C-alpha atoms as a PDB file:
ATOM      1  CA  MET A   1     127.672 124.841 105.532  1.00  0.00           C
ATOM      2  CA  LEU A   2     125.652 124.653 102.326  1.00  0.00           C
ATOM      3  CA  ALA A   3     123.543 121.835 103.771  1.00  0.00           C
ATOM      4  CA  TRP A   4     122.552 124.060 106.730  1.00  0.00           C
ATOM      5  CA  ILE A   5     121.627 126.931 104.413  1.00  0.00           C
ATOM      6  CA  VAL A   6     119.513 124.722 102.141  1.00  0.00           C
ATOM      7  CA  THR A   7     117.811 123.056 105.108  1.00  0.00           C
ATOM      8  CA  GLY A   8     117.108 126.405 106.754  1.00  0.00           C
ATOM      9  CA  ALA A   9     115.754 127.870 103.511  1.00  0.00           C
ATOM     10  CA  THR A  10     113.477 124.855 103.148  1.00  0.00           C
ATOM     11  CA  ALA A  11     112.471 124.700 106.805  1.00  0.00           C
ATOM     12  CA  ILE A  12     111.314 128.307 107.161  1.00  0.00           C
ATOM     13  CA  PRO A  13     108.443 128.056 104.618  1.00  0.00           C
ATOM     14  CA  LEU A  14     107.476 124.626 105.977  1.00  0.00           C
ATOM     15  CA  ILE A  15     107.284 125.953 109.535  1.00  0.00           C
ATOM     16  CA  ILE A  16     105.176 128.917 108.405  1.00  0.00           C
ATOM     17  CA  LEU A  17     102.871 126.592 106.454  1.00  0.00           C
ATOM     18  CA  SER A  18     102.583 124.161 109.360  1.00  0.00           C
ATOM     19  CA  ILE A  19     101.641 126.964 111.771  1.00  0.00           C
ATOM     20  CA  PHE A  20      99.014 128.120 109.285  1.00  0.00           C
ATOM     21  CA  LEU A  21      97.644 124.558 109.042  1.00  0.00           C
ATOM     22  CA  LEU A  22      97.758 124.005 112.808  1.00  0.00           C
ATOM     23  CA  LYS A  23      95.359 126.922 113.175  1.00  0.00           C
ATOM     24  CA  GLY A  24      92.876 124.950 111.048  1.00  0.00           C
ATOM     25  CA  LYS A  25      93.234 127.124 107.983  1.00  0.00           C
ATOM     26  CA  GLY A  26      94.810 126.600 104.587  1.00  0.00           C
ATOM     27  CA  ALA A  27      93.104 123.409 103.481  1.00  0.00           C
ATOM     28  CA  PHE A  28      93.681 124.502  99.889  1.00  0.00           C
ATOM     29  CA  PHE A  29      97.361 123.597 100.438  1.00  0.00           C
ATOM     30  CA  ILE A  30      96.468 119.935 100.994  1.00  0.00           C
ATOM     31  CA  ALA A  31      96.795 117.930  97.790  1.00  0.00           C
ATOM     32  CA  GLY A  32      93.653 116.013  96.937  1.00  0.00           C
ATOM     33  CA  TYR A  33      91.465 118.040  99.262  1.00  0.00           C
ATOM     34  CA  ASN A  34      91.779 121.134  97.106  1.00  0.00           C
ATOM     35  CA  THR A  35      90.638 119.216  94.009  1.00  0.00           C
ATOM     36  CA  MET A  36      87.431 117.874  95.581  1.00  0.00           C
ATOM     37  CA  SER A  37      84.037 119.257  94.732  1.00  0.00           C
ATOM     38  CA  ASP A  38      82.318 121.469  97.300  1.00  0.00           C
ATOM     39  CA  GLU A  39      79.838 118.692  98.124  1.00  0.00           C
ATOM     40  CA  GLU A  40      82.661 116.244  98.790  1.00  0.00           C
ATOM     41  CA  ARG A  41      84.600 118.766 100.910  1.00  0.00           C
ATOM     42  CA  ALA A  42      81.512 119.264 103.073  1.00  0.00           C
ATOM     43  CA  THR A  43      81.803 115.643 104.255  1.00  0.00           C
ATOM     44  CA  TYR A  44      85.281 116.230 105.759  1.00  0.00           C
ATOM     45  CA  ASP A  45      86.322 117.835 109.035  1.00  0.00           C
ATOM     46  CA  GLU A  46      88.562 120.480 107.507  1.00  0.00           C
ATOM     47  CA  LYS A  47      90.089 121.711 110.770  1.00  0.00           C
ATOM     48  CA  ALA A  48      91.068 118.227 111.952  1.00  0.00           C
ATOM     49  CA  LEU A  49      92.602 117.449 108.573  1.00  0.00           C
ATOM     50  CA  CYS A  50      94.537 120.733 108.565  1.00  0.00           C
ATOM     51  CA  ARG A  51      95.834 120.171 112.091  1.00  0.00           C
ATOM     52  CA  SER A  52      97.023 116.653 111.272  1.00  0.00           C
ATOM     53  CA  VAL A  53      98.853 117.777 108.148  1.00  0.00           C
ATOM     54  CA  GLY A  54     100.350 120.667 110.137  1.00  0.00           C
ATOM     55  CA  TRP A  55     101.763 118.248 112.703  1.00  0.00           C
ATOM     56  CA  LEU A  56     103.095 116.060 109.904  1.00  0.00           C
ATOM     57  CA  LEU A  57     104.920 119.026 108.394  1.00  0.00           C
ATOM     58  CA  LEU A  58     106.420 120.004 111.755  1.00  0.00           C
ATOM     59  CA  ILE A  59     107.709 116.476 112.337  1.00  0.00           C
ATOM     60  CA  ILE A  60     109.202 116.257 108.854  1.00  0.00           C
ATOM     61  CA  THR A  61     110.811 119.676 109.275  1.00  0.00           C
ATOM     62  CA  ALA A  62     112.395 118.609 112.565  1.00  0.00           C
ATOM     63  CA  LEU A  63     113.714 115.423 110.966  1.00  0.00           C
ATOM     64  CA  MET A  64     115.147 117.453 108.082  1.00  0.00           C
ATOM     65  CA  PHE A  65     117.646 119.009 110.499  1.00  0.00           C
ATOM     66  CA  LEU A  66     119.202 115.573 111.045  1.00  0.00           C
ATOM     67  CA  ILE A  67     120.468 115.620 107.444  1.00  0.00           C
ATOM     68  CA  PRO A  68     122.928 118.547 107.717  1.00  0.00           C
ATOM     69  CA  LEU A  69     123.869 117.317 111.187  1.00  0.00           C
ATOM     70  CA  ALA A  70     124.769 113.946 109.690  1.00  0.00           C
ATOM     71  CA  ILE A  71     126.735 115.615 106.891  1.00  0.00           C
ATOM     72  CA  HIS A  72     128.604 117.886 109.311  1.00  0.00           C
ATOM     73  CA  PHE A  73     129.691 115.037 111.578  1.00  0.00           C
ATOM     74  CA  ASP A  74     130.109 112.572 108.679  1.00  0.00           C
ATOM     75  CA  LEU A  75     127.555 110.142 110.122  1.00  0.00           C
ATOM     76  CA  THR A  76     126.273 108.183 107.153  1.00  0.00           C
ATOM     77  CA  TRP A  77     124.006 106.051 109.340  1.00  0.00           C
ATOM     78  CA  LEU A  78     122.239 109.157 110.688  1.00  0.00           C
ATOM     79  CA  LEU A  79     121.678 110.388 107.147  1.00  0.00           C
ATOM     80  CA  TRP A  80     119.996 107.113 106.201  1.00  0.00           C
ATOM     81  CA  VAL A  81     118.013 106.964 109.419  1.00  0.00           C
ATOM     82  CA  SER A  82     116.642 110.461 108.772  1.00  0.00           C
ATOM     83  CA  PHE A  83     115.683 109.593 105.183  1.00  0.00           C
ATOM     84  CA  VAL A  84     113.993 106.363 106.270  1.00  0.00           C
ATOM     85  CA  LEU A  85     112.144 108.075 109.135  1.00  0.00           C
ATOM     86  CA  ILE A  86     110.837 110.799 106.835  1.00  0.00           C
ATOM     87  CA  MET A  87     109.623 108.210 104.321  1.00  0.00           C
ATOM     88  CA  VAL A  88     108.072 105.894 106.928  1.00  0.00           C
ATOM     89  CA  ILE A  89     106.271 108.739 108.711  1.00  0.00           C
ATOM     90  CA  THR A  90     104.991 110.191 105.430  1.00  0.00           C
ATOM     91  CA  ILE A  91     103.748 106.848 104.096  1.00  0.00           C
ATOM     92  CA  GLY A  92     102.356 105.924 107.511  1.00  0.00           C
ATOM     93  CA  PHE A  93     100.413 109.186 107.695  1.00  0.00           C
ATOM     94  CA  ALA A  94      99.034 108.675 104.181  1.00  0.00           C
ATOM     95  CA  ILE A  95      97.794 105.229 105.185  1.00  0.00           C
ATOM     96  CA  TYR A  96      96.425 106.522 108.500  1.00  0.00           C
ATOM     97  CA  ALA A  97      94.611 109.445 106.861  1.00  0.00           C
ATOM     98  CA  ASN A  98      93.051 107.345 104.109  1.00  0.00           C
ATOM     99  CA  THR A  99      91.767 104.460 106.198  1.00  0.00           C
ATOM    100  CA  GLY A 100      88.876 104.359 108.620  1.00  0.00           C
ATOM    101  CA  ASN A 101      87.251 107.646 107.529  1.00  0.00           C
ATOM    102  CA  ARG A 102      89.229 109.469 110.225  1.00  0.00           C
ATOM    103  CA  PHE A 103      88.578 112.940 108.892  1.00  0.00           C
ATOM    104  CA  ARG A 104      85.009 112.458 107.729  1.00  0.00           C
ATOM    105  CA  LYS A 105      82.263 114.311 109.531  1.00  0.00           C
ATOM    106  CA  ASN A 106      79.707 112.190 111.307  1.00  0.00           C
ATOM    107  CA  THR A 107      76.833 112.387 108.833  1.00  0.00           C
ATOM    108  CA  THR A 108      74.611 109.724 110.377  1.00  0.00           C
ATOM    109  CA  GLN A 109      71.288 111.058 111.544  1.00  0.00           C
ATOM    110  CA  GLU A 110      69.582 109.626 114.582  1.00  0.00           C
ATOM    111  CA  LYS A 111      66.024 108.421 114.026  1.00  0.00           C
END
């Protein structure tokens, strides 16, 4: 029962934050982006970055509900699968977001 309460108390703010980010707002919540200078921020597509992080938060929040489910039904394998999935998705997104200039604005000028 405690696991459901803790998960619910954690999930509610994450869902609210993810909805806020999915609307393309709240970039100041994104670590690293909020510490950039204004000139550096201008080179990024803020709305696309916010939407991607919002989807990441929604996916992680959904996976969080596997943890109390695993505890309730005493499924150790499901507990580990949920932890591994959360870690793999988080690390995978960090790699995806930081390679290939995916969220950079197209600053090339045609001549």
